[in-house]
């Protein structure tokens, strides 16, 4: 019984690690968001504006 408990714990930790990695890959970094913001605000690119909102880039602070 102890061995199966250890396997369950190892599997749970592995699952948490995989979930965290997938989440980290899904969140865009500041530079990516900045380029969408720049295209939206300075050049009027409506697709960049939609992508900016969809990716949740409003969490960063931009100089313009």
PDB file of N, CA and C in Angstrom:
ATOM      1  N   UNK A   1       0.814  -1.195   0.000  1.00  0.00           N
ATOM      2  CA  UNK A   1       0.000   0.000   0.000  1.00  0.00           C
ATOM      3  C   UNK A   1       0.860   1.264   0.000  1.00  0.00           C
ATOM      4  N   UNK A   2       1.961   1.231   0.707  1.00  0.00           N
ATOM      5  CA  UNK A   2       2.822   2.403   0.789  1.00  0.00           C
ATOM      6  C   UNK A   2       3.428   2.740  -0.573  1.00  0.00           C
ATOM      7  N   UNK A   3       3.709   1.725  -1.364  1.00  0.00           N
ATOM      8  CA  UNK A   3       4.292   1.962  -2.670  1.00  0.00           C
ATOM      9  C   UNK A   3       3.291   2.647  -3.600  1.00  0.00           C
ATOM     10  N   UNK A   4       2.043   2.236  -3.562  1.00  0.00           N
ATOM     11  CA  UNK A   4       1.054   2.868  -4.422  1.00  0.00           C
ATOM     12  C   UNK A   4       0.788   4.314  -3.989  1.00  0.00           C
ATOM     13  N   UNK A   5       0.888   4.586  -2.695  1.00  0.00           N
ATOM     14  CA  UNK A   5       0.727   5.956  -2.202  1.00  0.00           C
ATOM     15  C   UNK A   5       1.866   6.832  -2.719  1.00  0.00           C
ATOM     16  N   UNK A   6       3.073   6.301  -2.711  1.00  0.00           N
ATOM     17  CA  UNK A   6       4.223   7.048  -3.218  1.00  0.00           C
ATOM     18  C   UNK A   6       4.065   7.313  -4.721  1.00  0.00           C
ATOM     19  N   UNK A   7       3.558   6.332  -5.445  1.00  0.00           N
ATOM     20  CA  UNK A   7       3.332   6.529  -6.875  1.00  0.00           C
ATOM     21  C   UNK A   7       2.268   7.591  -7.118  1.00  0.00           C
ATOM     22  N   UNK A   8       1.235   7.584  -6.298  1.00  0.00           N
ATOM     23  CA  UNK A   8       0.170   8.579  -6.437  1.00  0.00           C
ATOM     24  C   UNK A   8       0.703   9.987  -6.172  1.00  0.00           C
ATOM     25  N   UNK A   9       1.528  10.113  -5.159  1.00  0.00           N
ATOM     26  CA  UNK A   9       2.128  11.421  -4.832  1.00  0.00           C
ATOM     27  C   UNK A   9       3.044  11.877  -5.973  1.00  0.00           C
ATOM     28  N   UNK A  10       3.855  10.960  -6.495  1.00  0.00           N
ATOM     29  CA  UNK A  10       4.756  11.299  -7.598  1.00  0.00           C
ATOM     30  C   UNK A  10       3.968  11.714  -8.833  1.00  0.00           C
ATOM     31  N   UNK A  11       2.886  11.019  -9.130  1.00  0.00           N
ATOM     32  CA  UNK A  11       2.054  11.359 -10.268  1.00  0.00           C
ATOM     33  C   UNK A  11       1.387  12.720 -10.081  1.00  0.00           C
ATOM     34  N   UNK A  12       0.941  13.013  -8.873  1.00  0.00           N
ATOM     35  CA  UNK A  12       0.318  14.309  -8.593  1.00  0.00           C
ATOM     36  C   UNK A  12       1.327  15.445  -8.756  1.00  0.00           C
ATOM     37  N   UNK A  13       2.514  15.255  -8.258  1.00  0.00           N
ATOM     38  CA  UNK A  13       3.553  16.288  -8.389  1.00  0.00           C
ATOM     39  C   UNK A  13       3.921  16.488  -9.856  1.00  0.00           C
ATOM     40  N   UNK A  14       4.014  15.405 -10.613  1.00  0.00           N
ATOM     41  CA  UNK A  14       4.301  15.501 -12.043  1.00  0.00           C
ATOM     42  C   UNK A  14       3.183  16.261 -12.753  1.00  0.00           C
ATOM     43  N   UNK A  15       1.940  15.971 -12.415  1.00  0.00           N
ATOM     44  CA  UNK A  15       0.800  16.653 -13.026  1.00  0.00           C
ATOM     45  C   UNK A  15       0.788  18.138 -12.727  1.00  0.00           C
ATOM     46  N   UNK A  16       1.129  18.492 -11.507  1.00  0.00           N
ATOM     47  CA  UNK A  16       1.204  19.914 -11.140  1.00  0.00           C
ATOM     48  C   UNK A  16       2.312  20.600 -11.934  1.00  0.00           C
ATOM     49  N   UNK A  17       3.431  19.941 -12.090  1.00  0.00           N
ATOM     50  CA  UNK A  17       4.539  20.513 -12.856  1.00  0.00           C
ATOM     51  C   UNK A  17       4.191  20.712 -14.316  1.00  0.00           C
ATOM     52  N   UNK A  18       3.506  19.745 -14.904  1.00  0.00           N
ATOM     53  CA  UNK A  18       3.099  19.861 -16.304  1.00  0.00           C
ATOM     54  C   UNK A  18       2.083  20.988 -16.458  1.00  0.00           C
ATOM     55  N   UNK A  19       1.143  21.094 -15.523  1.00  0.00           N
ATOM     56  CA  UNK A  19       0.148  22.168 -15.577  1.00  0.00           C
ATOM     57  C   UNK A  19       0.785  23.534 -15.444  1.00  0.00           C
ATOM     58  N   UNK A  20       1.737  23.659 -14.558  1.00  0.00           N
ATOM     59  CA  UNK A  20       2.420  24.938 -14.377  1.00  0.00           C
ATOM     60  C   UNK A  20       3.232  25.308 -15.614  1.00  0.00           C
ATOM     61  N   UNK A  21       3.852  24.340 -16.241  1.00  0.00           N
ATOM     62  CA  UNK A  21       4.622  24.605 -17.452  1.00  0.00           C
ATOM     63  C   UNK A  21       3.720  25.067 -18.588  1.00  0.00           C
ATOM     64  N   UNK A  22       2.575  24.412 -18.730  1.00  0.00           N
ATOM     65  CA  UNK A  22       1.639  24.804 -19.792  1.00  0.00           C
ATOM     66  C   UNK A  22       1.108  26.200 -19.554  1.00  0.00           C
ATOM     67  N   UNK A  23       0.841  26.542 -18.303  1.00  0.00           N
ATOM     68  CA  UNK A  23       0.358  27.882 -17.977  1.00  0.00           C
ATOM     69  C   UNK A  23       1.426  28.924 -18.272  1.00  0.00           C
ATOM     70  N   UNK A  24       2.662  28.633 -17.930  1.00  0.00           N
ATOM     71  CA  UNK A  24       3.754  29.577 -18.188  1.00  0.00           C
ATOM     72  C   UNK A  24       3.942  29.816 -19.680  1.00  0.00           C
ATOM     73  N   UNK A  25       3.735  28.799 -20.487  1.00  0.00           N
ATOM     74  CA  UNK A  25       3.870  28.972 -21.928  1.00  0.00           C
ATOM     75  C   UNK A  25       2.713  29.766 -22.509  1.00  0.00           C
ATOM     76  N   UNK A  26       1.568  29.704 -21.875  1.00  0.00           N
ATOM     77  CA  UNK A  26       0.385  30.382 -22.396  1.00  0.00           C
ATOM     78  C   UNK A  26       0.376  31.873 -22.084  1.00  0.00           C
ATOM     79  N   UNK A  27       1.093  32.291 -21.051  1.00  0.00           N
ATOM     80  CA  UNK A  27       1.110  33.700 -20.652  1.00  0.00           C
ATOM     81  C   UNK A  27       2.192  34.431 -21.454  1.00  0.00           C
ATOM     82  N   UNK A  28       1.812  35.437 -22.229  1.00  0.00           N
ATOM     83  CA  UNK A  28       2.816  36.152 -23.026  1.00  0.00           C
ATOM     84  C   UNK A  28       3.687  37.045 -22.138  1.00  0.00           C
ATOM     85  N   UNK A  29       4.914  37.255 -22.558  1.00  0.00           N
ATOM     86  CA  UNK A  29       5.811  38.114 -21.799  1.00  0.00           C
ATOM     87  C   UNK A  29       5.569  39.582 -22.144  1.00  0.00           C
ATOM     88  N   UNK A  30       6.258  40.464 -21.458  1.00  0.00           N
ATOM     89  CA  UNK A  30       6.078  41.907 -21.638  1.00  0.00           C
ATOM     90  C   UNK A  30       6.380  42.341 -23.070  1.00  0.00           C
ATOM     91  N   UNK A  31       7.450  41.825 -23.651  1.00  0.00           N
ATOM     92  CA  UNK A  31       7.837  42.252 -25.000  1.00  0.00           C
ATOM     93  C   UNK A  31       6.790  41.881 -26.043  1.00  0.00           C
ATOM     94  N   UNK A  32       6.196  40.709 -25.906  1.00  0.00           N
ATOM     95  CA  UNK A  32       5.141  40.301 -26.828  1.00  0.00           C
ATOM     96  C   UNK A  32       3.938  41.222 -26.691  1.00  0.00           C
ATOM     97  N   UNK A  33       3.534  41.461 -25.449  1.00  0.00           N
ATOM     98  CA  UNK A  33       2.395  42.344 -25.210  1.00  0.00           C
ATOM     99  C   UNK A  33       2.686  43.766 -25.677  1.00  0.00           C
ATOM    100  N   UNK A  34       3.909  44.218 -25.479  1.00  0.00           N
ATOM    101  CA  UNK A  34       4.288  45.564 -25.891  1.00  0.00           C
ATOM    102  C   UNK A  34       4.167  45.718 -27.407  1.00  0.00           C
ATOM    103  N   UNK A  35       4.563  44.677 -28.140  1.00  0.00           N
ATOM    104  CA  UNK A  35       4.473  44.777 -29.599  1.00  0.00           C
ATOM    105  C   UNK A  35       3.010  44.825 -30.054  1.00  0.00           C
ATOM    106  N   UNK A  36       2.133  44.070 -29.397  1.00  0.00           N
ATOM    107  CA  UNK A  36       0.705  44.159 -29.725  1.00  0.00           C
ATOM    108  C   UNK A  36       0.151  45.534 -29.355  1.00  0.00           C
ATOM    109  N   UNK A  37       0.558  46.064 -28.215  1.00  0.00           N
ATOM    110  CA  UNK A  37       0.090  47.374 -27.772  1.00  0.00           C
ATOM    111  C   UNK A  37       0.561  48.458 -28.746  1.00  0.00           C
ATOM    112  N   UNK A  38       1.804  48.351 -29.175  1.00  0.00           N
ATOM    113  CA  UNK A  38       2.357  49.327 -30.105  1.00  0.00           C
ATOM    114  C   UNK A  38       1.606  49.296 -31.442  1.00  0.00           C
ATOM    115  N   UNK A  39       1.374  48.089 -31.954  1.00  0.00           N
ATOM    116  CA  UNK A  39       0.651  47.959 -33.224  1.00  0.00           C
ATOM    117  C   UNK A  39      -0.776  48.473 -33.095  1.00  0.00           C
ATOM    118  N   UNK A  40      -1.380  48.252 -31.946  1.00  0.00           N
ATOM    119  CA  UNK A  40      -2.758  48.690 -31.729  1.00  0.00           C
ATOM    120  C   UNK A  40      -2.838  50.208 -31.563  1.00  0.00           C
ATOM    121  N   UNK A  41      -2.048  50.748 -30.639  1.00  0.00           N
ATOM    122  CA  UNK A  41      -2.153  52.160 -30.282  1.00  0.00           C
ATOM    123  C   UNK A  41      -1.536  53.090 -31.322  1.00  0.00           C
ATOM    124  N   UNK A  42      -0.411  52.707 -31.874  1.00  0.00           N
ATOM    125  CA  UNK A  42       0.294  53.610 -32.779  1.00  0.00           C
ATOM    126  C   UNK A  42      -0.099  53.438 -34.240  1.00  0.00           C
ATOM    127  N   UNK A  43      -0.449  52.210 -34.636  1.00  0.00           N
ATOM    128  CA  UNK A  43      -0.727  51.953 -36.050  1.00  0.00           C
ATOM    129  C   UNK A  43      -2.185  51.606 -36.338  1.00  0.00           C
ATOM    130  N   UNK A  44      -2.997  51.505 -35.288  1.00  0.00           N
ATOM    131  CA  UNK A  44      -4.424  51.235 -35.470  1.00  0.00           C
ATOM    132  C   UNK A  44      -4.758  49.841 -35.966  1.00  0.00           C
ATOM    133  N   UNK A  45      -3.902  48.881 -35.710  1.00  0.00           N
ATOM    134  CA  UNK A  45      -4.126  47.499 -36.135  1.00  0.00           C
ATOM    135  C   UNK A  45      -5.200  46.858 -35.246  1.00  0.00           C
ATOM    136  N   UNK A  46      -6.387  46.649 -35.801  1.00  0.00           N
ATOM    137  CA  UNK A  46      -7.503  46.128 -35.016  1.00  0.00           C
ATOM    138  C   UNK A  46      -7.279  44.683 -34.584  1.00  0.00           C
ATOM    139  N   UNK A  47      -6.600  43.897 -35.391  1.00  0.00           N
ATOM    140  CA  UNK A  47      -6.307  42.509 -35.014  1.00  0.00           C
ATOM    141  C   UNK A  47      -5.343  42.476 -33.832  1.00  0.00           C
ATOM    142  N   UNK A  48      -4.370  43.379 -33.810  1.00  0.00           N
ATOM    143  CA  UNK A  48      -3.445  43.462 -32.686  1.00  0.00           C
ATOM    144  C   UNK A  48      -4.175  43.894 -31.420  1.00  0.00           C
ATOM    145  N   UNK A  49      -5.155  44.786 -31.560  1.00  0.00           N
ATOM    146  CA  UNK A  49      -5.954  45.207 -30.404  1.00  0.00           C
ATOM    147  C   UNK A  49      -6.732  44.037 -29.828  1.00  0.00           C
ATOM    148  N   UNK A  50      -7.333  43.238 -30.700  1.00  0.00           N
ATOM    149  CA  UNK A  50      -8.101  42.077 -30.250  1.00  0.00           C
ATOM    150  C   UNK A  50      -7.190  41.046 -29.590  1.00  0.00           C
ATOM    151  N   UNK A  51      -6.026  40.821 -30.162  1.00  0.00           N
ATOM    152  CA  UNK A  51      -5.078  39.872 -29.585  1.00  0.00           C
ATOM    153  C   UNK A  51      -4.570  40.376 -28.240  1.00  0.00           C
ATOM    154  N   UNK A  52      -4.322  41.665 -28.145  1.00  0.00           N
ATOM    155  CA  UNK A  52      -3.885  42.277 -26.892  1.00  0.00           C
ATOM    156  C   UNK A  52      -4.899  42.004 -25.780  1.00  0.00           C
ATOM    157  N   UNK A  53      -6.176  42.217 -26.079  1.00  0.00           N
ATOM    158  CA  UNK A  53      -7.223  41.981 -25.087  1.00  0.00           C
ATOM    159  C   UNK A  53      -7.386  40.499 -24.782  1.00  0.00           C
ATOM    160  N   UNK A  54      -7.327  39.659 -25.798  1.00  0.00           N
ATOM    161  CA  UNK A  54      -7.515  38.224 -25.639  1.00  0.00           C
ATOM    162  C   UNK A  54      -6.424  37.604 -24.771  1.00  0.00           C
ATOM    163  N   UNK A  55      -5.200  38.070 -24.913  1.00  0.00           N
ATOM    164  CA  UNK A  55      -4.078  37.499 -24.167  1.00  0.00           C
ATOM    165  C   UNK A  55      -3.956  38.054 -22.756  1.00  0.00           C
ATOM    166  N   UNK A  56      -4.775  39.008 -22.393  1.00  0.00           N
ATOM    167  CA  UNK A  56      -4.717  39.558 -21.042  1.00  0.00           C
ATOM    168  C   UNK A  56      -3.490  40.412 -20.803  1.00  0.00           C
ATOM    169  N   UNK A  57      -3.070  41.134 -21.812  1.00  0.00           N
ATOM    170  CA  UNK A  57      -1.852  41.937 -21.714  1.00  0.00           C
ATOM    171  C   UNK A  57      -2.042  43.215 -20.907  1.00  0.00           C
ATOM    172  N   UNK A  58      -3.233  43.502 -20.469  1.00  0.00           N
ATOM    173  CA  UNK A  58      -3.458  44.740 -19.713  1.00  0.00           C
ATOM    174  C   UNK A  58      -2.829  44.687 -18.318  1.00  0.00           C
ATOM    175  N   UNK A  59      -2.292  43.555 -17.925  1.00  0.00           N
ATOM    176  CA  UNK A  59      -1.669  43.443 -16.600  1.00  0.00           C
ATOM    177  C   UNK A  59      -0.318  44.163 -16.532  1.00  0.00           C
ATOM    178  N   UNK A  60       0.272  44.446 -17.694  1.00  0.00           N
ATOM    179  CA  UNK A  60       1.541  45.159 -17.736  1.00  0.00           C
ATOM    180  C   UNK A  60       1.308  46.660 -17.853  1.00  0.00           C
ATOM    181  N   UNK A  61       2.305  47.449 -17.450  1.00  0.00           N
ATOM    182  CA  UNK A  61       2.232  48.916 -17.569  1.00  0.00           C
ATOM    183  C   UNK A  61       3.044  49.333 -18.794  1.00  0.00           C
ATOM    184  N   UNK A  62       2.432  50.165 -19.616  1.00  0.00           N
ATOM    185  CA  UNK A  62       3.067  50.613 -20.866  1.00  0.00           C
ATOM    186  C   UNK A  62       3.277  52.123 -20.818  1.00  0.00           C
ATOM    187  N   UNK A  63       4.344  52.609 -21.453  1.00  0.00           N
ATOM    188  CA  UNK A  63       4.628  54.042 -21.409  1.00  0.00           C
ATOM    189  C   UNK A  63       3.689  54.889 -22.270  1.00  0.00           C
ATOM    190  N   UNK A  64       2.837  54.292 -23.046  1.00  0.00           N
ATOM    191  CA  UNK A  64       1.913  55.072 -23.892  1.00  0.00           C
ATOM    192  C   UNK A  64       0.539  54.449 -23.845  1.00  0.00           C
TER     193      UNK A  64
END
